[in-house]
Amino acid sequence: MSEPDEQVLRAVDELAQKAPLGALDVVECHAIRFSPDAASGFTSNLDAGITPVDGGLVVRFTLTTKVVTGDGGPEVAEIKVGIGLAYTIADLPDPTGLVVGNFVARIAFKDAYPYLRQNTHELATRIGLVGVMLTTLIPPPTFGTLVPRQDASADDTRQDLGRDVV
């Protein structure tokens, strides 16, 4: 998705002003340690899904972090955190349009990211991994067209957050 024009950004701002966050829940939170080997890096992928509901929009972000040894070495652990957010929106624009897509990327993502980051770090620490911490400041993700979910477990889009060194 290319950088949105000013008209889309204004519409996103207007939507954000009339779309209060009604609920935020951790809906998935688990870690699996595959090996006692020391970790030297990790990659994280972000899935996002939207579900239009009467009077609002439900957004789910799932962050999957794979911890590895060396550059592309064997996988040491996998950490998965899912955050669900419910926004109250009286007159929701087209959920497949640029306004809602940019709302999810620029507003909902910023609401969810601190919880994704903190839960990932806490789970890594619990299973004995040191230094697995996502960056504090990241640009908003660029999603393609978000397709409203028909099945709440379906993956709609994926965003690679890149590789960070542990």
Protein backbone atom coordinates (compact mmCIF):
# COMPACT_ATOMS: atom_id res chain seq x y z
CA MET A 1 0.00 0.00 0.00
CA SER A 2 1.49 3.34 -0.96
CA GLU A 3 1.48 6.36 1.34
CA PRO A 4 -2.12 7.61 1.60
CA ASP A 5 -3.03 11.06 0.38
CA GLU A 6 -4.04 13.91 2.70
CA GLN A 7 -7.75 13.35 2.10
CA VAL A 8 -7.51 9.74 3.32
CA LEU A 9 -5.44 10.80 6.34
CA ARG A 10 -8.04 13.47 7.25
CA ALA A 11 -10.78 10.84 6.99
CA VAL A 12 -8.73 8.51 9.23
CA ASP A 13 -8.35 11.32 11.80
CA GLU A 14 -12.11 11.98 11.70
CA LEU A 15 -12.83 8.27 12.13
CA ALA A 16 -10.39 8.05 15.05
CA GLN A 17 -12.13 10.95 16.80
CA LYS A 18 -15.52 9.24 16.64
CA ALA A 19 -14.32 5.66 17.23
CA PRO A 20 -13.49 5.16 20.90
CA LEU A 21 -11.71 2.00 21.95
CA GLY A 22 -14.34 0.04 23.87
CA ALA A 23 -12.28 -3.01 24.83
CA LEU A 24 -8.79 -4.42 24.54
CA ASP A 25 -8.10 -8.04 25.43
CA VAL A 26 -5.15 -10.38 25.22
CA VAL A 27 -6.78 -13.23 23.28
CA GLU A 28 -3.74 -15.43 22.74
CA CYS A 29 -0.53 -15.66 24.71
CA HIS A 30 1.85 -18.63 24.58
CA ALA A 31 5.50 -19.57 24.15
CA ILE A 32 7.17 -22.84 23.21
CA ARG A 33 10.86 -23.52 23.84
CA PHE A 34 12.18 -26.06 21.33
CA SER A 35 15.83 -26.14 22.39
CA PRO A 36 18.05 -25.03 25.30
CA ASP A 37 20.44 -23.41 22.81
CA ALA A 38 21.26 -19.72 23.24
CA ALA A 39 19.28 -17.34 21.07
CA SER A 40 21.03 -14.83 18.84
CA GLY A 41 18.18 -13.29 16.86
CA PHE A 42 14.52 -13.32 16.11
CA THR A 43 12.00 -12.49 13.44
CA SER A 44 8.47 -11.31 14.05
CA ASN A 45 5.44 -11.48 11.78
CA LEU A 46 2.24 -9.57 12.38
CA ASP A 47 -1.16 -10.82 11.25
CA ALA A 48 -4.12 -8.45 11.27
CA GLY A 49 -7.79 -9.16 10.86
CA ILE A 50 -10.93 -7.07 11.00
CA THR A 51 -14.52 -8.00 11.72
CA PRO A 52 -17.24 -5.41 11.16
CA VAL A 53 -19.94 -5.75 13.82
CA ASP A 54 -23.15 -3.86 14.57
CA GLY A 55 -22.05 -0.48 15.84
CA GLY A 56 -18.35 -0.97 15.39
CA LEU A 57 -15.26 -2.80 14.33
CA VAL A 58 -13.25 -5.58 15.96
CA VAL A 59 -9.55 -5.68 15.09
CA ARG A 60 -7.20 -8.52 15.99
CA PHE A 61 -3.43 -8.45 15.77
CA THR A 62 -1.39 -11.63 16.24
CA LEU A 63 2.37 -11.29 16.60
CA THR A 64 4.40 -14.47 16.05
CA THR A 65 8.06 -14.25 17.03
CA LYS A 66 10.50 -16.99 16.04
CA VAL A 67 13.71 -17.01 18.07
CA VAL A 68 16.73 -18.56 16.35
CA THR A 69 20.42 -19.32 16.84
CA GLY A 70 22.76 -17.59 14.41
CA ASP A 71 21.70 -16.06 11.13
CA GLY A 72 18.83 -18.27 10.05
CA GLY A 73 19.93 -21.05 12.37
CA PRO A 74 17.65 -23.55 14.05
CA GLU A 75 14.56 -22.27 15.79
CA VAL A 76 14.96 -22.09 19.57
CA ALA A 77 11.46 -20.89 20.48
CA GLU A 78 8.21 -19.49 19.17
CA ILE A 79 6.22 -16.81 20.97
CA LYS A 80 2.70 -15.90 19.93
CA VAL A 81 0.63 -13.00 21.29
CA GLY A 82 -2.83 -11.97 20.07
CA ILE A 83 -4.57 -8.72 20.99
CA GLY A 84 -8.22 -8.00 20.22
CA LEU A 85 -9.57 -4.45 20.10
CA ALA A 86 -13.20 -3.38 19.83
CA TYR A 87 -14.04 0.10 18.53
CA THR A 88 -17.46 1.72 18.71
CA ILE A 89 -18.22 3.25 15.31
CA ALA A 90 -21.79 4.32 14.55
CA ASP A 91 -21.38 4.69 10.78
CA LEU A 92 -18.48 2.49 9.71
CA PRO A 93 -17.02 3.30 6.28
CA ASP A 94 -16.41 0.49 3.79
CA PRO A 95 -14.28 -1.99 5.76
CA THR A 96 -12.27 -2.87 2.65
CA GLY A 97 -11.52 0.78 1.86
CA LEU A 98 -8.44 2.90 2.41
CA VAL A 99 -9.88 4.76 5.40
CA VAL A 100 -10.48 1.65 7.51
CA GLY A 101 -7.23 0.05 6.34
CA ASN A 102 -5.27 3.12 7.39
CA PHE A 103 -7.24 3.35 10.64
CA VAL A 104 -6.15 -0.21 11.45
CA ALA A 105 -2.52 0.49 10.50
CA ARG A 106 -2.17 3.93 12.09
CA ILE A 107 -4.57 3.94 15.05
CA ALA A 108 -5.48 0.38 16.07
CA PHE A 109 -1.90 -0.83 15.67
CA LYS A 110 -0.62 1.91 17.99
CA ASP A 111 -3.27 0.93 20.54
CA ALA A 112 -2.21 -2.74 20.42
CA TYR A 113 1.57 -2.51 19.98
CA PRO A 114 2.60 -1.79 23.60
CA TYR A 115 0.67 -4.91 24.70
CA LEU A 116 2.14 -7.04 21.92
CA ARG A 117 5.62 -5.84 22.81
CA GLN A 118 5.29 -6.30 26.58
CA ASN A 119 3.67 -9.75 26.39
CA THR A 120 6.31 -10.97 23.91
CA HIS A 121 9.10 -9.82 26.23
CA GLU A 122 7.47 -11.35 29.33
CA LEU A 123 6.89 -14.72 27.64
CA ALA A 124 10.47 -14.81 26.36
CA THR A 125 11.76 -14.11 29.86
CA ARG A 126 9.53 -16.83 31.37
CA ILE A 127 11.02 -19.47 29.08
CA GLY A 128 14.58 -18.37 29.81
CA LEU A 129 15.35 -16.17 26.80
CA VAL A 130 17.13 -12.91 27.53
CA GLY A 131 17.02 -9.83 25.31
CA VAL A 132 13.94 -10.54 23.20
CA MET A 133 12.50 -7.03 23.08
CA LEU A 134 10.75 -5.42 20.14
CA THR A 135 11.69 -1.83 19.36
CA THR A 136 9.68 0.95 20.99
CA LEU A 137 9.27 3.16 17.93
CA ILE A 138 8.31 1.59 14.63
CA PRO A 139 6.59 2.96 11.55
CA PRO A 140 2.96 1.97 11.04
CA PRO A 141 2.58 -1.32 9.20
CA THR A 142 1.60 -1.26 5.55
CA PHE A 143 -1.20 -3.69 4.96
CA GLY A 144 -2.64 -4.57 1.61
CA THR A 145 -6.40 -4.58 1.34
CA LEU A 146 -7.87 -5.84 4.59
CA VAL A 147 -10.62 -8.35 3.98
CA PRO A 148 -13.33 -8.52 6.66
CA ARG A 149 -13.24 -11.83 8.47
CA GLN A 150 -15.92 -14.39 7.89
CA ASP A 151 -14.17 -16.78 10.30
CA ALA A 152 -12.55 -15.23 13.37
CA SER A 153 -9.61 -17.64 13.15
CA ALA A 154 -8.70 -16.83 9.54
CA ASP A 155 -5.48 -14.91 8.83
CA ASP A 156 -6.24 -11.87 6.69
CA THR A 157 -2.91 -10.22 6.12
CA ARG A 158 0.65 -10.51 7.35
CA GLN A 159 3.20 -7.83 8.16
CA ASP A 160 6.88 -8.64 8.63
CA LEU A 161 8.33 -6.56 11.46
CA GLY A 162 11.85 -7.45 10.43
CA ARG A 163 14.74 -9.13 12.20
CA ASP A 164 16.19 -7.73 15.40
CA VAL A 165 19.30 -8.92 17.18
CA VAL A 166 18.80 -10.29 20.68
